[in-house]
N, C-alpha and C. Protein backbone atom coordinates (compact mmCIF):
# COMPACT_ATOMS: atom_id res chain seq x y z
N MET A 1 0.90 -1.21 0.00
CA MET A 1 -0.16 0.00 -0.15
C MET A 1 1.01 1.18 0.02
N LYS A 2 0.72 2.17 -0.91
CA LYS A 2 1.51 3.64 -1.05
C LYS A 2 1.22 4.16 0.12
N PRO A 3 2.19 5.12 0.39
CA PRO A 3 2.03 5.98 1.77
C PRO A 3 0.92 7.18 1.14
N GLU A 4 0.25 7.74 2.26
CA GLU A 4 -0.87 8.83 1.93
C GLU A 4 -0.10 9.83 2.31
N THR A 5 0.02 11.19 1.00
CA THR A 5 0.88 12.18 1.49
C THR A 5 -0.16 13.29 1.05
N ARG A 6 -0.40 14.37 1.74
CA ARG A 6 -1.24 15.37 1.71
C ARG A 6 -0.29 16.45 2.11
N ASP A 7 -0.01 17.68 1.21
CA ASP A 7 0.92 18.67 1.73
C ASP A 7 2.08 18.39 2.41
N ASP A 8 2.15 18.41 3.51
CA ASP A 8 3.55 17.98 4.31
C ASP A 8 3.40 16.98 5.08
N ILE A 9 2.13 16.33 5.24
CA ILE A 9 1.93 15.17 5.80
C ILE A 9 1.81 14.11 4.90
N THR A 10 2.92 13.00 5.72
CA THR A 10 2.79 11.70 5.22
C THR A 10 2.31 10.53 6.14
N ILE A 11 1.68 9.48 5.78
CA ILE A 11 1.35 8.50 6.58
C ILE A 11 1.78 7.20 5.84
N ARG A 12 2.35 6.43 6.48
CA ARG A 12 2.88 5.19 5.95
C ARG A 12 3.11 4.12 6.86
N TRP A 13 3.23 2.81 6.58
CA TRP A 13 3.48 1.78 7.63
C TRP A 13 4.90 1.87 8.32
N ALA A 14 5.13 1.80 9.47
CA ALA A 14 6.53 2.00 10.03
C ALA A 14 7.28 0.67 9.79
N GLY A 15 8.46 0.95 9.76
CA GLY A 15 9.41 -0.03 9.62
C GLY A 15 10.52 -0.18 10.52
N PRO A 16 11.43 -1.17 10.55
CA PRO A 16 12.62 -0.97 11.73
C PRO A 16 13.22 0.35 11.77
N GLY A 17 13.62 1.00 10.34
CA GLY A 17 13.94 2.43 10.56
C GLY A 17 13.32 3.24 11.47
N ASP A 18 12.08 2.99 11.81
CA ASP A 18 11.32 4.13 12.45
C ASP A 18 11.35 3.90 13.93
N ARG A 19 12.29 3.26 14.34
CA ARG A 19 12.42 2.63 16.01
C ARG A 19 12.25 3.89 16.65
N ASP A 20 13.05 4.88 16.47
CA ASP A 20 13.46 5.93 17.22
C ASP A 20 12.09 6.80 17.13
N ALA A 21 11.45 7.19 15.92
CA ALA A 21 10.52 7.95 15.79
C ALA A 21 9.25 7.33 16.79
N ILE A 22 8.87 6.08 16.53
CA ILE A 22 8.10 5.38 17.24
C ILE A 22 8.08 5.39 18.68
N ALA A 23 9.24 5.24 19.23
CA ALA A 23 9.62 5.49 20.56
C ALA A 23 9.52 6.71 21.16
N GLY A 24 10.02 7.48 20.59
CA GLY A 24 9.68 8.90 20.88
C GLY A 24 7.89 9.23 21.09
N LEU A 25 7.25 8.84 20.01
CA LEU A 25 5.74 9.01 20.00
C LEU A 25 5.20 8.33 21.22
N VAL A 26 5.91 7.18 21.55
CA VAL A 26 5.27 6.15 22.62
C VAL A 26 5.50 6.84 23.96
N GLN A 27 6.73 7.54 24.20
CA GLN A 27 6.97 8.34 25.26
C GLN A 27 5.93 9.62 25.44
N GLN A 28 5.62 10.23 24.41
CA GLN A 28 4.82 11.26 24.42
C GLN A 28 3.63 10.77 24.74
N THR A 29 3.12 9.51 24.16
CA THR A 29 1.64 9.15 24.77
C THR A 29 1.67 8.79 26.20
N LYS A 30 2.65 8.19 26.71
CA LYS A 30 3.02 7.89 27.98
C LYS A 30 2.78 9.22 28.77
N ARG A 31 3.32 10.19 28.40
CA ARG A 31 3.39 11.44 29.34
C ARG A 31 1.82 12.16 29.28
N HIS A 32 1.15 11.84 28.24
CA HIS A 32 -0.31 12.40 27.99
C HIS A 32 -1.11 11.79 29.01
N TYR A 33 -0.93 10.56 29.15
CA TYR A 33 -1.74 9.66 30.08
C TYR A 33 -1.24 9.71 31.28
N GLY A 34 -0.28 10.37 31.67
CA GLY A 34 0.27 10.37 33.15
C GLY A 34 0.84 9.20 33.39
N GLU A 35 1.48 8.36 32.67
CA GLU A 35 2.12 7.10 32.94
C GLU A 35 3.61 7.31 33.15
N GLU A 36 4.24 6.34 33.77
CA GLU A 36 5.39 6.38 34.13
C GLU A 36 6.37 6.23 32.85
N GLN A 37 7.57 6.93 32.54
CA GLN A 37 8.18 6.97 31.28
C GLN A 37 8.94 5.72 31.15
N ALA A 38 9.09 4.98 30.25
CA ALA A 38 9.92 3.77 30.10
C ALA A 38 11.19 3.95 30.15
N PRO A 39 12.05 3.26 30.67
CA PRO A 39 13.61 3.29 30.60
C PRO A 39 13.96 3.11 28.85
N ALA A 40 14.88 3.96 28.51
CA ALA A 40 15.13 4.11 27.01
C ALA A 40 15.47 2.72 26.48
N GLY A 41 16.35 2.10 27.10
CA GLY A 41 17.05 1.00 26.58
C GLY A 41 15.62 -0.11 26.56
N GLU A 42 15.00 -0.24 27.66
CA GLU A 42 13.73 -1.11 27.51
C GLU A 42 12.79 -0.77 26.53
N LEU A 43 12.55 0.61 26.41
CA LEU A 43 11.71 1.06 25.33
C LEU A 43 12.12 0.60 23.94
N ASP A 44 13.31 0.97 23.52
CA ASP A 44 13.97 0.91 22.32
C ASP A 44 13.97 -0.86 22.10
N ALA A 45 14.14 -1.51 23.01
CA ALA A 45 14.24 -3.12 22.49
C ALA A 45 12.49 -3.54 22.23
N ALA A 46 11.58 -2.84 23.23
CA ALA A 46 9.99 -3.20 23.09
C ALA A 46 9.83 -2.56 21.53
N VAL A 47 10.07 -1.63 21.20
CA VAL A 47 9.72 -1.09 19.94
C VAL A 47 10.41 -1.69 18.72
N ALA A 48 11.50 -2.38 19.00
CA ALA A 48 12.41 -3.00 17.79
C ALA A 48 11.59 -4.26 17.64
N GLY A 49 11.04 -4.91 18.76
CA GLY A 49 10.13 -6.05 18.64
C GLY A 49 8.90 -5.96 17.88
N TRP A 50 8.21 -4.93 18.39
CA TRP A 50 7.26 -4.43 17.71
C TRP A 50 7.10 -4.24 16.23
N LEU A 51 8.27 -3.61 15.86
CA LEU A 51 8.16 -3.30 14.31
C LEU A 51 8.93 -4.56 13.80
N GLU A 52 9.27 -5.58 14.14
CA GLU A 52 9.62 -6.75 13.38
C GLU A 52 7.99 -7.54 12.81
N ALA A 53 8.25 -7.82 11.43
CA ALA A 53 7.11 -8.50 10.71
C ALA A 53 6.84 -9.89 11.37
N ARG A 54 5.90 -10.02 12.12
CA ARG A 54 5.55 -11.27 12.79
C ARG A 54 4.25 -11.62 12.94
N PRO A 55 3.80 -12.58 12.57
CA PRO A 55 2.32 -12.83 12.58
C PRO A 55 1.67 -12.52 14.36
N GLY A 56 0.72 -11.82 14.32
CA GLY A 56 0.05 -11.61 15.48
C GLY A 56 0.54 -10.28 16.30
N HIS A 57 1.61 -9.65 15.68
CA HIS A 57 2.10 -8.50 16.27
C HIS A 57 1.51 -7.22 15.60
N ALA A 58 1.88 -6.07 16.45
CA ALA A 58 1.08 -4.75 15.83
C ALA A 58 1.60 -4.37 14.55
N LEU A 59 0.61 -3.51 14.02
CA LEU A 59 1.08 -2.77 12.89
C LEU A 59 0.99 -1.27 13.26
N PHE A 60 2.13 -0.41 12.86
CA PHE A 60 2.24 0.77 13.21
C PHE A 60 2.07 1.73 12.06
N ALA A 61 1.07 2.75 11.88
CA ALA A 61 1.00 3.65 10.65
C ALA A 61 1.73 4.90 11.60
N ILE A 62 2.43 5.42 10.97
CA ILE A 62 3.08 6.37 11.34
C ILE A 62 2.79 7.91 10.52
N ALA A 63 2.67 8.99 11.01
CA ALA A 63 2.60 10.13 10.64
C ALA A 63 3.72 11.24 10.73
N PHE A 64 3.94 11.72 9.48
CA PHE A 64 5.13 12.80 9.57
C PHE A 64 4.73 13.99 8.95
N ALA A 65 4.96 15.09 9.62
CA ALA A 65 4.69 16.34 9.14
C ALA A 65 6.17 16.94 8.77
N GLY A 66 6.35 17.05 7.31
CA GLY A 66 7.72 16.93 6.92
C GLY A 66 8.71 15.87 7.22
N GLU A 67 9.74 16.26 8.07
CA GLU A 67 10.59 15.11 8.62
C GLU A 67 10.21 14.86 10.08
N GLN A 68 9.20 15.46 10.85
CA GLN A 68 9.07 15.31 12.21
C GLN A 68 7.82 14.30 12.26
N PRO A 69 8.37 13.43 13.34
CA PRO A 69 7.29 12.24 13.63
C PRO A 69 6.25 13.00 14.38
N ALA A 70 4.72 13.04 13.72
CA ALA A 70 3.73 13.66 14.23
C ALA A 70 2.40 13.12 14.86
N GLY A 71 2.52 11.46 14.61
CA GLY A 71 1.56 10.70 15.33
C GLY A 71 1.33 9.15 14.76
N TYR A 72 0.89 8.67 15.29
CA TYR A 72 0.96 7.06 15.14
C TYR A 72 -0.65 6.67 15.21
N ALA A 73 -0.51 5.46 14.64
CA ALA A 73 -1.98 4.52 14.97
C ALA A 73 -1.22 3.18 15.13
N SER A 74 -1.77 2.38 16.34
CA SER A 74 -1.27 1.05 16.41
C SER A 74 -2.40 0.02 16.10
N ALA A 75 -2.32 -0.85 15.60
CA ALA A 75 -3.35 -1.82 15.16
C ALA A 75 -2.84 -3.34 15.15
N ALA A 76 -3.96 -4.45 14.79
CA ALA A 76 -3.76 -5.36 14.78
C ALA A 76 -4.86 -5.96 13.76
N VAL A 77 -4.65 -6.83 12.95
CA VAL A 77 -5.93 -7.43 12.33
C VAL A 77 -6.20 -8.78 12.88
N THR A 78 -7.45 -8.75 13.13
CA THR A 78 -8.10 -10.07 13.92
C THR A 78 -8.88 -10.87 13.16
N PRO A 79 -8.59 -12.37 13.04
CA PRO A 79 -9.46 -13.03 12.18
C PRO A 79 -10.95 -12.92 12.50
N PRO A 80 -11.87 -13.19 11.46
CA PRO A 80 -13.18 -13.10 11.68
C PRO A 80 -13.68 -13.99 12.59
N ALA A 81 -14.77 -13.43 13.29
CA ALA A 81 -15.49 -14.25 14.28
C ALA A 81 -16.81 -14.95 13.92
N MET A 82 -17.56 -14.05 13.23
CA MET A 82 -18.79 -14.50 12.72
C MET A 82 -19.02 -14.57 11.21
N GLY A 83 -18.42 -13.79 10.50
CA GLY A 83 -18.33 -13.37 9.20
C GLY A 83 -17.17 -14.19 8.45
N VAL A 84 -16.64 -13.61 7.47
CA VAL A 84 -15.67 -14.17 6.65
C VAL A 84 -14.59 -13.12 6.30
N SER A 85 -14.87 -12.00 6.79
CA SER A 85 -13.96 -10.71 6.74
C SER A 85 -13.46 -10.52 8.09
N ALA A 86 -12.19 -9.93 8.11
CA ALA A 86 -11.65 -9.74 9.38
C ALA A 86 -11.64 -8.32 9.90
N ALA A 87 -11.30 -7.86 10.88
CA ALA A 87 -11.57 -6.63 11.55
C ALA A 87 -9.94 -6.13 11.95
N LEU A 88 -10.20 -4.97 12.08
CA LEU A 88 -9.07 -4.37 12.38
C LEU A 88 -9.12 -3.66 13.90
N TYR A 89 -8.14 -4.12 14.78
CA TYR A 89 -8.53 -3.40 16.06
C TYR A 89 -7.17 -2.55 16.45
N MET A 90 -7.69 -1.26 16.27
CA MET A 90 -6.82 0.02 16.61
C MET A 90 -6.87 0.24 18.24
N LYS A 91 -5.44 -0.09 18.73
CA LYS A 91 -5.23 -0.08 20.47
C LYS A 91 -4.90 1.25 20.55
N GLU A 92 -4.31 2.41 19.68
CA GLU A 92 -3.88 3.52 20.23
C GLU A 92 -4.16 4.34 18.73
N LEU A 93 -4.35 5.71 18.74
CA LEU A 93 -4.24 6.81 17.85
C LEU A 93 -3.84 7.82 18.76
N PHE A 94 -2.59 8.36 18.40
CA PHE A 94 -1.97 9.41 19.00
C PHE A 94 -1.36 10.28 18.17
N VAL A 95 -1.42 11.68 18.59
CA VAL A 95 -1.01 12.76 17.87
C VAL A 95 -0.25 13.60 18.77
N SER A 96 1.04 13.93 18.29
CA SER A 96 1.76 14.90 19.24
C SER A 96 0.90 16.23 19.66
N PRO A 97 1.16 16.73 20.63
CA PRO A 97 0.28 17.81 21.27
C PRO A 97 0.58 19.11 20.16
N GLN A 98 1.85 19.34 19.73
CA GLN A 98 1.99 20.45 18.99
C GLN A 98 1.45 20.07 17.44
N MET A 99 0.98 19.01 17.20
CA MET A 99 0.68 18.54 16.00
C MET A 99 -1.12 18.41 15.89
N ARG A 100 -1.45 18.71 16.95
CA ARG A 100 -3.04 18.35 16.87
C ARG A 100 -3.86 19.80 16.34
N GLY A 101 -4.76 19.57 15.60
CA GLY A 101 -5.45 20.50 15.02
C GLY A 101 -5.04 20.62 13.62
N HIS A 102 -4.10 19.80 13.25
CA HIS A 102 -3.44 19.93 11.70
C HIS A 102 -3.97 18.68 10.81
N GLY A 103 -5.11 17.76 11.48
CA GLY A 103 -5.69 16.91 10.61
C GLY A 103 -4.77 15.56 10.37
N ILE A 104 -3.70 15.44 11.41
CA ILE A 104 -2.99 14.17 11.52
C ILE A 104 -3.92 13.21 11.77
N GLY A 105 -4.58 13.14 12.83
CA GLY A 105 -5.59 12.07 13.05
C GLY A 105 -6.60 11.56 12.07
N ARG A 106 -7.14 12.58 10.97
CA ARG A 106 -7.85 12.23 10.20
C ARG A 106 -7.26 11.42 9.00
N HIS A 107 -5.90 11.92 8.61
CA HIS A 107 -4.88 11.14 7.72
C HIS A 107 -4.88 9.92 8.44
N LEU A 108 -4.57 9.61 9.50
CA LEU A 108 -4.27 8.42 9.94
C LEU A 108 -5.47 7.27 9.97
N MET A 109 -6.58 7.85 10.20
CA MET A 109 -8.07 7.21 10.22
C MET A 109 -7.88 6.90 8.60
N THR A 110 -7.84 7.85 7.60
CA THR A 110 -7.87 7.48 6.32
C THR A 110 -7.02 6.47 5.73
N PHE A 111 -5.76 6.58 6.07
CA PHE A 111 -4.84 5.59 5.78
C PHE A 111 -5.19 4.27 6.25
N LEU A 112 -5.71 3.93 7.51
CA LEU A 112 -6.21 2.65 7.88
C LEU A 112 -7.59 2.45 7.38
N ALA A 113 -8.28 3.16 6.88
CA ALA A 113 -9.73 2.89 6.18
C ALA A 113 -9.24 2.40 4.84
N GLU A 114 -8.41 2.90 3.94
CA GLU A 114 -8.07 2.38 2.78
C GLU A 114 -7.48 1.15 3.03
N PHE A 115 -6.41 0.95 3.66
CA PHE A 115 -5.80 -0.49 4.03
C PHE A 115 -6.92 -1.55 4.10
N CYS A 116 -7.74 -1.11 4.97
CA CYS A 116 -8.93 -2.03 5.38
C CYS A 116 -9.85 -2.64 4.15
N LEU A 117 -10.15 -1.55 3.24
CA LEU A 117 -10.94 -1.93 2.09
C LEU A 117 -10.00 -2.78 1.03
N SER A 118 -8.80 -2.39 1.19
CA SER A 118 -7.80 -3.20 0.08
C SER A 118 -7.44 -4.59 0.59
N GLU A 119 -7.63 -4.62 1.87
CA GLU A 119 -7.45 -5.99 2.40
C GLU A 119 -8.88 -6.86 2.80
N ASN A 120 -9.84 -6.26 2.22
CA ASN A 120 -11.08 -6.98 2.65
C ASN A 120 -11.36 -7.05 3.99
N ILE A 121 -10.85 -6.14 4.89
CA ILE A 121 -11.20 -6.01 6.18
C ILE A 121 -12.37 -5.33 6.32
N GLU A 122 -13.53 -5.85 7.14
CA GLU A 122 -14.78 -4.94 7.21
C GLU A 122 -14.95 -4.03 8.02
N ARG A 123 -13.95 -3.82 9.12
CA ARG A 123 -14.66 -2.90 10.26
C ARG A 123 -13.14 -2.36 10.84
N ILE A 124 -13.17 -1.27 11.51
CA ILE A 124 -12.12 -1.03 12.45
C ILE A 124 -12.89 -0.82 13.81
N ASP A 125 -12.33 -1.45 15.10
CA ASP A 125 -12.84 -1.52 16.23
C ASP A 125 -11.92 -0.96 17.12
N LEU A 126 -12.35 -0.31 18.02
CA LEU A 126 -11.39 0.48 18.90
C LEU A 126 -12.32 0.88 20.45
N THR A 127 -11.33 1.11 21.37
CA THR A 127 -11.97 1.61 22.57
C THR A 127 -11.45 2.98 23.13
N THR A 128 -12.11 3.68 23.61
CA THR A 128 -11.51 4.96 24.21
C THR A 128 -12.07 5.00 25.62
N ALA A 129 -11.46 6.04 26.37
CA ALA A 129 -11.97 6.43 27.65
C ALA A 129 -13.53 7.02 27.61
N GLN A 130 -14.19 6.59 28.50
CA GLN A 130 -15.60 6.97 28.77
C GLN A 130 -15.54 8.62 28.86
N ASP A 131 -14.64 8.87 29.33
CA ASP A 131 -14.40 10.51 29.73
C ASP A 131 -13.64 11.19 28.38
N ASN A 132 -13.11 10.53 27.54
CA ASN A 132 -12.63 11.33 26.53
C ASN A 132 -13.74 11.73 25.46
N GLU A 133 -13.88 12.95 25.94
CA GLU A 133 -15.38 13.44 25.21
C GLU A 133 -14.66 13.86 23.78
N ALA A 134 -13.60 14.46 23.64
CA ALA A 134 -12.86 15.24 22.51
C ALA A 134 -12.60 14.02 21.47
N GLY A 135 -12.08 12.65 21.99
CA GLY A 135 -11.83 11.64 21.23
C GLY A 135 -13.05 11.00 20.54
N ILE A 136 -13.87 10.89 21.44
CA ILE A 136 -15.40 10.27 20.82
C ILE A 136 -15.81 11.03 19.80
N ARG A 137 -15.91 12.58 20.20
CA ARG A 137 -16.34 13.47 18.91
C ARG A 137 -15.83 13.28 17.73
N PHE A 138 -14.31 12.97 18.02
CA PHE A 138 -13.48 12.78 16.85
C PHE A 138 -13.92 11.69 16.10
N TYR A 139 -13.84 10.57 16.61
CA TYR A 139 -14.30 9.24 15.92
C TYR A 139 -15.77 9.53 15.32
N GLU A 140 -16.53 9.93 15.97
CA GLU A 140 -17.89 10.25 15.38
C GLU A 140 -17.81 10.92 14.20
N ARG A 141 -17.23 12.04 14.53
CA ARG A 141 -17.05 12.93 13.18
C ARG A 141 -16.48 12.25 11.79
N GLU A 142 -15.48 11.32 12.38
CA GLU A 142 -14.87 10.43 11.11
C GLU A 142 -15.91 9.45 10.67
N GLY A 143 -16.87 8.99 11.30
CA GLY A 143 -17.79 8.25 11.07
C GLY A 143 -18.19 6.76 11.90
N ALA A 144 -17.38 6.72 12.86
CA ALA A 144 -17.65 5.66 13.83
C ALA A 144 -18.77 5.65 14.71
N ALA A 145 -19.75 4.58 14.87
CA ALA A 145 -20.63 4.60 15.57
C ALA A 145 -20.21 3.88 17.20
N VAL A 146 -20.93 4.66 18.05
CA VAL A 146 -20.57 4.02 19.40
C VAL A 146 -21.29 2.83 19.69
N GLN A 147 -20.65 1.85 20.33
CA GLN A 147 -21.30 0.62 20.51
C GLN A 147 -21.66 0.48 21.89
N ARG A 148 -22.76 0.78 22.20
CA ARG A 148 -23.00 0.65 23.72
C ARG A 148 -23.39 -0.75 24.36
N GLN A 149 -23.68 -1.78 23.06
CA GLN A 149 -24.17 -3.23 23.88
C GLN A 149 -22.74 -3.82 24.25
N LYS A 150 -21.73 -3.37 24.19
CA LYS A 150 -20.56 -4.22 24.66
C LYS A 150 -19.68 -3.30 25.75
N ILE A 151 -19.05 -4.22 26.63
CA ILE A 151 -17.89 -3.46 27.65
C ILE A 151 -16.61 -4.11 27.36
N ALA A 152 -15.75 -3.18 27.62
CA ALA A 152 -14.36 -3.54 27.58
C ALA A 152 -13.96 -4.24 28.90
N LEU A 153 -13.23 -5.34 28.71
CA LEU A 153 -12.70 -6.15 29.81
C LEU A 153 -11.13 -6.31 29.34
N ARG A 154 -10.44 -6.57 30.58
CA ARG A 154 -8.86 -6.54 30.44
C ARG A 154 -8.39 -7.84 31.48
N PHE A 155 -7.41 -8.56 31.00
CA PHE A 155 -6.65 -9.19 31.92
C PHE A 155 -5.28 -8.68 31.87
N GLU A 156 -4.94 -8.03 33.24
CA GLU A 156 -3.58 -7.63 33.35
C GLU A 156 -2.83 -8.78 33.84
N THR A 157 -1.49 -8.44 34.39
CA THR A 157 -0.11 -9.30 34.29
C THR A 157 -0.84 -10.39 35.41
N ALA A 158 -1.19 -9.96 36.53
CA ALA A 158 -1.60 -10.92 37.86
C ALA A 158 -2.74 -11.97 37.37
N SER A 159 -3.81 -11.40 36.58
CA SER A 159 -4.66 -12.24 36.01
C SER A 159 -4.42 -13.23 35.02
N LEU A 160 -3.37 -12.80 34.30
CA LEU A 160 -2.40 -13.54 33.38
C LEU A 160 -1.68 -14.81 34.10
N GLU A 161 -1.15 -14.38 34.94
CA GLU A 161 -0.32 -15.34 35.78
C GLU A 161 -1.17 -16.35 36.32
N ARG A 162 -2.27 -16.24 36.79
CA ARG A 162 -3.31 -17.19 37.54
C ARG A 162 -3.60 -17.88 36.37
N LEU A 163 -4.07 -17.41 35.40
CA LEU A 163 -4.62 -18.53 34.09
C LEU A 163 -3.50 -19.20 33.59
N ALA A 164 -2.31 -18.65 33.41
CA ALA A 164 -1.27 -19.61 32.81
C ALA A 164 -0.76 -20.67 34.07
N ALA A 165 -1.07 -20.33 35.33
CA ALA A 165 -0.59 -21.14 36.57
C ALA A 165 -1.66 -22.48 36.34
N ARG A 166 -2.74 -22.38 35.78
CA ARG A 166 -3.74 -23.35 35.73
C ARG A 166 -3.12 -24.70 35.03
N ARG A 167 -2.33 -24.19 33.85
CA ARG A 167 -1.73 -25.28 33.13
C ARG A 167 -0.76 -26.11 34.04
N ALA A 168 -0.04 -25.36 34.70
CA ALA A 168 0.92 -26.08 35.47
C ALA A 168 0.29 -27.02 36.46
N LYS A 169 -0.94 -26.92 36.97
CA LYS A 169 -1.54 -27.47 37.98
C LYS A 169 -1.97 -28.83 37.52
N THR A 170 -2.74 -28.70 36.14
CA THR A 170 -3.38 -29.59 35.35
C THR A 170 -2.48 -30.53 34.37
N GLY A 171 -1.41 -29.92 34.55
CA GLY A 171 -0.23 -30.79 33.31
C GLY A 171 -0.44 -30.66 32.24
């Protein structure tokens, strides 16, 4: 799929050469959400792993304004559950604070939509915080429908460890 370029904004799939750009944007995302910053070495290793082409791993669409990394969307293609078409689950869409209001989010969504249509992917699923009113308005303006019939659930590390321990107990 060719990169989307409009004026000085370029959106394309990130590759191994984008490790520093993605790492910087992830650190900005952590600051935005008030999370502890990841140690540089750990983050670099994690991003390098994320950018490897392996089944089941994330895709990163990266946005540049000129040469400056401006935002990203992380997503994964999930197989169909009930139909024959897959879905794209978007885990994160982040635009650098200084680049907000320049259409970066819209360009990222357009890029993902074009990808989905070219790959016979029938929808994009995502979650956002209930109090993220600006984000919800953005997604609705882009054509998303709020799905009130589902709730988001999460298994964090402690829960994963308990689940995995079952196998050890049952052999």
